[in-house]
Amino acid sequence: MSGDELRRALPPVGETELTRDLWPAMLCRMEERRVRLTWLDGALAAVAMVWLAVFPETIGVLLYQL
């Protein structure tokens, strides 16, 4: 790709404008503070609990990694 093709494909930075203000939408998302847990998160937590119940000596290794 030559330099001319690249200049035609990408507009100059100064000429690009947003069509709307994104900050109010970001504030709304920050105020929601929802924690979404999927079934996979629950399954991984259950597997970790079972693992620690079956092999309690691994608790020290886990705490060392944290």
PDB file of N, CA and C in Angstrom:
ATOM      1  N   MET A   1       0.852  -1.165   0.000  1.00  0.00           N
ATOM      2  CA  MET A   1       0.000   0.000   0.000  1.00  0.00           C
ATOM      3  C   MET A   1       0.898   1.228   0.000  1.00  0.00           C
ATOM      4  N   SER A   2       0.646   2.127  -0.904  1.00  0.00           N
ATOM      5  CA  SER A   2       1.478   3.317  -0.986  1.00  0.00           C
ATOM      6  C   SER A   2       0.990   4.375  -0.007  1.00  0.00           C
ATOM      7  N   GLY A   3       1.772   5.424   0.151  1.00  0.00           N
ATOM      8  CA  GLY A   3       1.429   6.497   1.074  1.00  0.00           C
ATOM      9  C   GLY A   3       0.158   7.229   0.684  1.00  0.00           C
ATOM     10  N   ASP A   4      -0.073   7.381  -0.638  1.00  0.00           N
ATOM     11  CA  ASP A   4      -1.278   8.075  -1.104  1.00  0.00           C
ATOM     12  C   ASP A   4      -2.537   7.291  -0.771  1.00  0.00           C
ATOM     13  N   GLU A   5      -2.481   5.980  -0.930  1.00  0.00           N
ATOM     14  CA  GLU A   5      -3.635   5.145  -0.605  1.00  0.00           C
ATOM     15  C   GLU A   5      -3.949   5.212   0.879  1.00  0.00           C
ATOM     16  N   LEU A   6      -2.916   5.230   1.696  1.00  0.00           N
ATOM     17  CA  LEU A   6      -3.107   5.305   3.131  1.00  0.00           C
ATOM     18  C   LEU A   6      -3.719   6.651   3.535  1.00  0.00           C
ATOM     19  N   ARG A   7      -3.274   7.733   2.924  1.00  0.00           N
ATOM     20  CA  ARG A   7      -3.830   9.053   3.221  1.00  0.00           C
ATOM     21  C   ARG A   7      -5.302   9.140   2.830  1.00  0.00           C
ATOM     22  N   ARG A   8      -5.674   8.501   1.741  1.00  0.00           N
ATOM     23  CA  ARG A   8      -7.073   8.519   1.319  1.00  0.00           C
ATOM     24  C   ARG A   8      -7.942   7.641   2.215  1.00  0.00           C
ATOM     25  N   ALA A   9      -7.385   6.556   2.742  1.00  0.00           N
ATOM     26  CA  ALA A   9      -8.158   5.629   3.566  1.00  0.00           C
ATOM     27  C   ALA A   9      -8.396   6.167   4.969  1.00  0.00           C
ATOM     28  N   LEU A  10      -7.430   6.911   5.514  1.00  0.00           N
ATOM     29  CA  LEU A  10      -7.546   7.432   6.871  1.00  0.00           C
ATOM     30  C   LEU A  10      -7.663   8.953   6.830  1.00  0.00           C
ATOM     31  N   PRO A  11      -8.752   9.501   7.390  1.00  0.00           N
ATOM     32  CA  PRO A  11      -8.868  10.959   7.399  1.00  0.00           C
ATOM     33  C   PRO A  11      -7.888  11.563   8.391  1.00  0.00           C
ATOM     34  N   PRO A  12      -7.496  12.818   8.186  1.00  0.00           N
ATOM     35  CA  PRO A  12      -6.615  13.473   9.153  1.00  0.00           C
ATOM     36  C   PRO A  12      -7.270  13.543  10.527  1.00  0.00           C
ATOM     37  N   VAL A  13      -6.462  13.532  11.563  1.00  0.00           N
ATOM     38  CA  VAL A  13      -6.975  13.489  12.933  1.00  0.00           C
ATOM     39  C   VAL A  13      -7.790  14.732  13.258  1.00  0.00           C
ATOM     40  N   GLY A  14      -7.398  15.898  12.790  1.00  0.00           N
ATOM     41  CA  GLY A  14      -8.095  17.130  13.111  1.00  0.00           C
ATOM     42  C   GLY A  14      -9.495  17.209  12.529  1.00  0.00           C
ATOM     43  N   GLU A  15      -9.803  16.458  11.491  1.00  0.00           N
ATOM     44  CA  GLU A  15     -11.093  16.533  10.838  1.00  0.00           C
ATOM     45  C   GLU A  15     -12.106  15.543  11.402  1.00  0.00           C
ATOM     46  N   THR A  16     -11.705  14.666  12.287  1.00  0.00           N
ATOM     47  CA  THR A  16     -12.599  13.664  12.846  1.00  0.00           C
ATOM     48  C   THR A  16     -13.262  14.221  14.097  1.00  0.00           C
ATOM     49  N   GLU A  17     -14.593  14.181  14.136  1.00  0.00           N
ATOM     50  CA  GLU A  17     -15.334  14.651  15.304  1.00  0.00           C
ATOM     51  C   GLU A  17     -16.316  13.586  15.738  1.00  0.00           C
ATOM     52  N   LEU A  18     -16.573  13.535  17.043  1.00  0.00           N
ATOM     53  CA  LEU A  18     -17.568  12.611  17.565  1.00  0.00           C
ATOM     54  C   LEU A  18     -18.953  13.170  17.296  1.00  0.00           C
ATOM     55  N   THR A  19     -19.912  12.278  17.094  1.00  0.00           N
ATOM     56  CA  THR A  19     -21.271  12.721  16.830  1.00  0.00           C
ATOM     57  C   THR A  19     -22.030  13.031  18.110  1.00  0.00           C
ATOM     58  N   ARG A  20     -21.540  12.542  19.262  1.00  0.00           N
ATOM     59  CA  ARG A  20     -22.196  12.828  20.537  1.00  0.00           C
ATOM     60  C   ARG A  20     -21.172  12.769  21.651  1.00  0.00           C
ATOM     61  N   ASP A  21     -21.544  13.311  22.809  1.00  0.00           N
ATOM     62  CA  ASP A  21     -20.664  13.324  23.959  1.00  0.00           C
ATOM     63  C   ASP A  21     -20.761  11.976  24.672  1.00  0.00           C
ATOM     64  N   LEU A  22     -19.646  11.327  24.886  1.00  0.00           N
ATOM     65  CA  LEU A  22     -19.631  10.000  25.496  1.00  0.00           C
ATOM     66  C   LEU A  22     -19.544  10.034  27.016  1.00  0.00           C
ATOM     67  N   TRP A  23     -19.215  11.187  27.613  1.00  0.00           N
ATOM     68  CA  TRP A  23     -18.994  11.243  29.050  1.00  0.00           C
ATOM     69  C   TRP A  23     -20.255  10.956  29.861  1.00  0.00           C
ATOM     70  N   PRO A  24     -21.444  11.482  29.537  1.00  0.00           N
ATOM     71  CA  PRO A  24     -22.642  11.138  30.328  1.00  0.00           C
ATOM     72  C   PRO A  24     -22.949   9.645  30.326  1.00  0.00           C
ATOM     73  N   ALA A  25     -22.754   8.983  29.203  1.00  0.00           N
ATOM     74  CA  ALA A  25     -22.982   7.536  29.154  1.00  0.00           C
ATOM     75  C   ALA A  25     -21.977   6.800  30.040  1.00  0.00           C
ATOM     76  N   MET A  26     -20.735   7.287  30.081  1.00  0.00           N
ATOM     77  CA  MET A  26     -19.727   6.662  30.941  1.00  0.00           C
ATOM     78  C   MET A  26     -20.079   6.848  32.411  1.00  0.00           C
ATOM     79  N   LEU A  27     -20.579   8.022  32.786  1.00  0.00           N
ATOM     80  CA  LEU A  27     -20.979   8.254  34.171  1.00  0.00           C
ATOM     81  C   LEU A  27     -22.124   7.342  34.579  1.00  0.00           C
ATOM     82  N   CYS A  28     -23.076   7.133  33.690  1.00  0.00           N
ATOM     83  CA  CYS A  28     -24.196   6.222  33.989  1.00  0.00           C
ATOM     84  C   CYS A  28     -23.691   4.802  34.208  1.00  0.00           C
ATOM     85  N   ARG A  29     -22.765   4.359  33.385  1.00  0.00           N
ATOM     86  CA  ARG A  29     -22.233   3.001  33.540  1.00  0.00           C
ATOM     87  C   ARG A  29     -21.429   2.855  34.821  1.00  0.00           C
ATOM     88  N   MET A  30     -20.725   3.915  35.229  1.00  0.00           N
ATOM     89  CA  MET A  30     -19.941   3.849  36.453  1.00  0.00           C
ATOM     90  C   MET A  30     -20.847   3.837  37.677  1.00  0.00           C
ATOM     91  N   GLU A  31     -22.005   4.496  37.615  1.00  0.00           N
ATOM     92  CA  GLU A  31     -22.915   4.545  38.756  1.00  0.00           C
ATOM     93  C   GLU A  31     -23.701   3.258  38.926  1.00  0.00           C
ATOM     94  N   GLU A  32     -23.821   2.454  37.896  1.00  0.00           N
ATOM     95  CA  GLU A  32     -24.582   1.210  37.990  1.00  0.00           C
ATOM     96  C   GLU A  32     -23.970   0.252  39.001  1.00  0.00           C
ATOM     97  N   ARG A  33     -22.677   0.049  38.936  1.00  0.00           N
ATOM     98  CA  ARG A  33     -21.928  -0.824  39.847  1.00  0.00           C
ATOM     99  C   ARG A  33     -22.555  -2.205  39.987  1.00  0.00           C
ATOM    100  N   ARG A  34     -22.948  -2.771  38.889  1.00  0.00           N
ATOM    101  CA  ARG A  34     -23.488  -4.120  38.919  1.00  0.00           C
ATOM    102  C   ARG A  34     -22.362  -5.127  38.780  1.00  0.00           C
ATOM    103  N   VAL A  35     -22.468  -6.197  39.528  1.00  0.00           N
ATOM    104  CA  VAL A  35     -21.510  -7.292  39.390  1.00  0.00           C
ATOM    105  C   VAL A  35     -22.253  -8.433  38.709  1.00  0.00           C
ATOM    106  N   ARG A  36     -21.783  -8.785  37.547  1.00  0.00           N
ATOM    107  CA  ARG A  36     -22.421  -9.861  36.800  1.00  0.00           C
ATOM    108  C   ARG A  36     -21.590 -11.124  36.937  1.00  0.00           C
ATOM    109  N   LEU A  37     -22.215 -12.147  37.473  1.00  0.00           N
ATOM    110  CA  LEU A  37     -21.554 -13.437  37.595  1.00  0.00           C
ATOM    111  C   LEU A  37     -22.236 -14.411  36.652  1.00  0.00           C
ATOM    112  N   THR A  38     -21.470 -15.088  35.873  1.00  0.00           N
ATOM    113  CA  THR A  38     -22.020 -16.073  34.952  1.00  0.00           C
ATOM    114  C   THR A  38     -21.960 -17.453  35.604  1.00  0.00           C
ATOM    115  N   TRP A  39     -22.545 -18.393  34.944  1.00  0.00           N
ATOM    116  CA  TRP A  39     -22.514 -19.758  35.467  1.00  0.00           C
ATOM    117  C   TRP A  39     -21.083 -20.286  35.489  1.00  0.00           C
ATOM    118  N   LEU A  40     -20.255 -19.806  34.586  1.00  0.00           N
ATOM    119  CA  LEU A  40     -18.864 -20.242  34.558  1.00  0.00           C
ATOM    120  C   LEU A  40     -18.121 -19.753  35.802  1.00  0.00           C
ATOM    121  N   ASP A  41     -18.390 -18.524  36.230  1.00  0.00           N
ATOM    122  CA  ASP A  41     -17.773 -18.011  37.452  1.00  0.00           C
ATOM    123  C   ASP A  41     -18.157 -18.872  38.657  1.00  0.00           C
ATOM    124  N   GLY A  42     -19.431 -19.214  38.736  1.00  0.00           N
ATOM    125  CA  GLY A  42     -19.905 -20.061  39.830  1.00  0.00           C
ATOM    126  C   GLY A  42     -19.287 -21.450  39.786  1.00  0.00           C
ATOM    127  N   ALA A  43     -19.161 -21.996  38.594  1.00  0.00           N
ATOM    128  CA  ALA A  43     -18.571 -23.331  38.448  1.00  0.00           C
ATOM    129  C   ALA A  43     -17.101 -23.319  38.851  1.00  0.00           C
ATOM    130  N   LEU A  44     -16.369 -22.288  38.458  1.00  0.00           N
ATOM    131  CA  LEU A  44     -14.958 -22.198  38.838  1.00  0.00           C
ATOM    132  C   LEU A  44     -14.796 -22.026  40.342  1.00  0.00           C
ATOM    133  N   ALA A  45     -15.665 -21.253  40.970  1.00  0.00           N
ATOM    134  CA  ALA A  45     -15.609 -21.083  42.424  1.00  0.00           C
ATOM    135  C   ALA A  45     -15.917 -22.401  43.124  1.00  0.00           C
ATOM    136  N   ALA A  46     -16.899 -23.143  42.615  1.00  0.00           N
ATOM    137  CA  ALA A  46     -17.239 -24.437  43.209  1.00  0.00           C
ATOM    138  C   ALA A  46     -16.089 -25.427  43.067  1.00  0.00           C
ATOM    139  N   VAL A  47     -15.459 -25.447  41.916  1.00  0.00           N
ATOM    140  CA  VAL A  47     -14.323 -26.352  41.704  1.00  0.00           C
ATOM    141  C   VAL A  47     -13.181 -25.984  42.650  1.00  0.00           C
ATOM    142  N   ALA A  48     -12.944 -24.691  42.832  1.00  0.00           N
ATOM    143  CA  ALA A  48     -11.875 -24.262  43.742  1.00  0.00           C
ATOM    144  C   ALA A  48     -12.182 -24.678  45.170  1.00  0.00           C
ATOM    145  N   MET A  49     -13.432 -24.530  45.600  1.00  0.00           N
ATOM    146  CA  MET A  49     -13.801 -24.925  46.969  1.00  0.00           C
ATOM    147  C   MET A  49     -13.660 -26.433  47.181  1.00  0.00           C
ATOM    148  N   VAL A  50     -14.090 -27.206  46.198  1.00  0.00           N
ATOM    149  CA  VAL A  50     -13.957 -28.666  46.305  1.00  0.00           C
ATOM    150  C   VAL A  50     -12.490 -29.049  46.325  1.00  0.00           C
ATOM    151  N   TRP A  51     -11.692 -28.412  45.483  1.00  0.00           N
ATOM    152  CA  TRP A  51     -10.255 -28.695  45.440  1.00  0.00           C
ATOM    153  C   TRP A  51      -9.616 -28.421  46.798  1.00  0.00           C
ATOM    154  N   LEU A  52      -9.970 -27.273  47.402  1.00  0.00           N
ATOM    155  CA  LEU A  52      -9.393 -26.934  48.708  1.00  0.00           C
ATOM    156  C   LEU A  52      -9.901 -27.849  49.813  1.00  0.00           C
ATOM    157  N   ALA A  53     -11.117 -28.359  49.692  1.00  0.00           N
ATOM    158  CA  ALA A  53     -11.646 -29.290  50.692  1.00  0.00           C
ATOM    159  C   ALA A  53     -10.959 -30.646  50.582  1.00  0.00           C
ATOM    160  N   VAL A  54     -10.667 -31.074  49.364  1.00  0.00           N
ATOM    161  CA  VAL A  54     -10.040 -32.383  49.157  1.00  0.00           C
ATOM    162  C   VAL A  54      -8.541 -32.323  49.439  1.00  0.00           C
ATOM    163  N   PHE A  55      -7.903 -31.229  49.055  1.00  0.00           N
ATOM    164  CA  PHE A  55      -6.462 -31.072  49.245  1.00  0.00           C
ATOM    165  C   PHE A  55      -6.185 -29.814  50.077  1.00  0.00           C
ATOM    166  N   PRO A  56      -6.395 -29.862  51.383  1.00  0.00           N
ATOM    167  CA  PRO A  56      -6.223 -28.666  52.216  1.00  0.00           C
ATOM    168  C   PRO A  56      -4.781 -28.151  52.274  1.00  0.00           C
ATOM    169  N   GLU A  57      -3.821 -28.986  51.934  1.00  0.00           N
ATOM    170  CA  GLU A  57      -2.428 -28.531  51.959  1.00  0.00           C
ATOM    171  C   GLU A  57      -2.135 -27.509  50.851  1.00  0.00           C
ATOM    172  N   THR A  58      -3.020 -27.395  49.878  1.00  0.00           N
ATOM    173  CA  THR A  58      -2.816 -26.427  48.806  1.00  0.00           C
ATOM    174  C   THR A  58      -3.267 -25.009  49.197  1.00  0.00           C
ATOM    175  N   ILE A  59      -3.857 -24.852  50.368  1.00  0.00           N
ATOM    176  CA  ILE A  59      -4.287 -23.513  50.813  1.00  0.00           C
ATOM    177  C   ILE A  59      -3.081 -22.583  50.937  1.00  0.00           C
ATOM    178  N   GLY A  60      -1.989 -23.080  51.456  1.00  0.00           N
ATOM    179  CA  GLY A  60      -0.783 -22.275  51.576  1.00  0.00           C
ATOM    180  C   GLY A  60      -0.240 -21.842  50.232  1.00  0.00           C
ATOM    181  N   VAL A  61      -0.277 -22.736  49.260  1.00  0.00           N
ATOM    182  CA  VAL A  61       0.181 -22.408  47.909  1.00  0.00           C
ATOM    183  C   VAL A  61      -0.711 -21.320  47.301  1.00  0.00           C
ATOM    184  N   LEU A  62      -2.024 -21.464  47.498  1.00  0.00           N
ATOM    185  CA  LEU A  62      -2.962 -20.463  46.987  1.00  0.00           C
ATOM    186  C   LEU A  62      -2.725 -19.098  47.630  1.00  0.00           C
ATOM    187  N   LEU A  63      -2.559 -19.075  48.925  1.00  0.00           N
ATOM    188  CA  LEU A  63      -2.313 -17.808  49.618  1.00  0.00           C
ATOM    189  C   LEU A  63      -0.976 -17.191  49.200  1.00  0.00           C
ATOM    190  N   TYR A  64       0.021 -18.026  48.915  1.00  0.00           N
ATOM    191  CA  TYR A  64       1.312 -17.510  48.454  1.00  0.00           C
ATOM    192  C   TYR A  64       1.168 -16.825  47.094  1.00  0.00           C
ATOM    193  N   GLN A  65       0.312 -17.372  46.230  1.00  0.00           N
ATOM    194  CA  GLN A  65       0.113 -16.812  44.891  1.00  0.00           C
ATOM    195  C   GLN A  65      -0.665 -15.497  44.921  1.00  0.00           C
ATOM    196  N   LEU A  66      -1.473 -15.295  45.954  1.00  0.00           N
ATOM    197  CA  LEU A  66      -2.254 -14.063  46.041  1.00  0.00           C
ATOM    198  C   LEU A  66      -1.358 -12.964  46.546  1.00  0.00           C
TER     199      LEU A  66
END
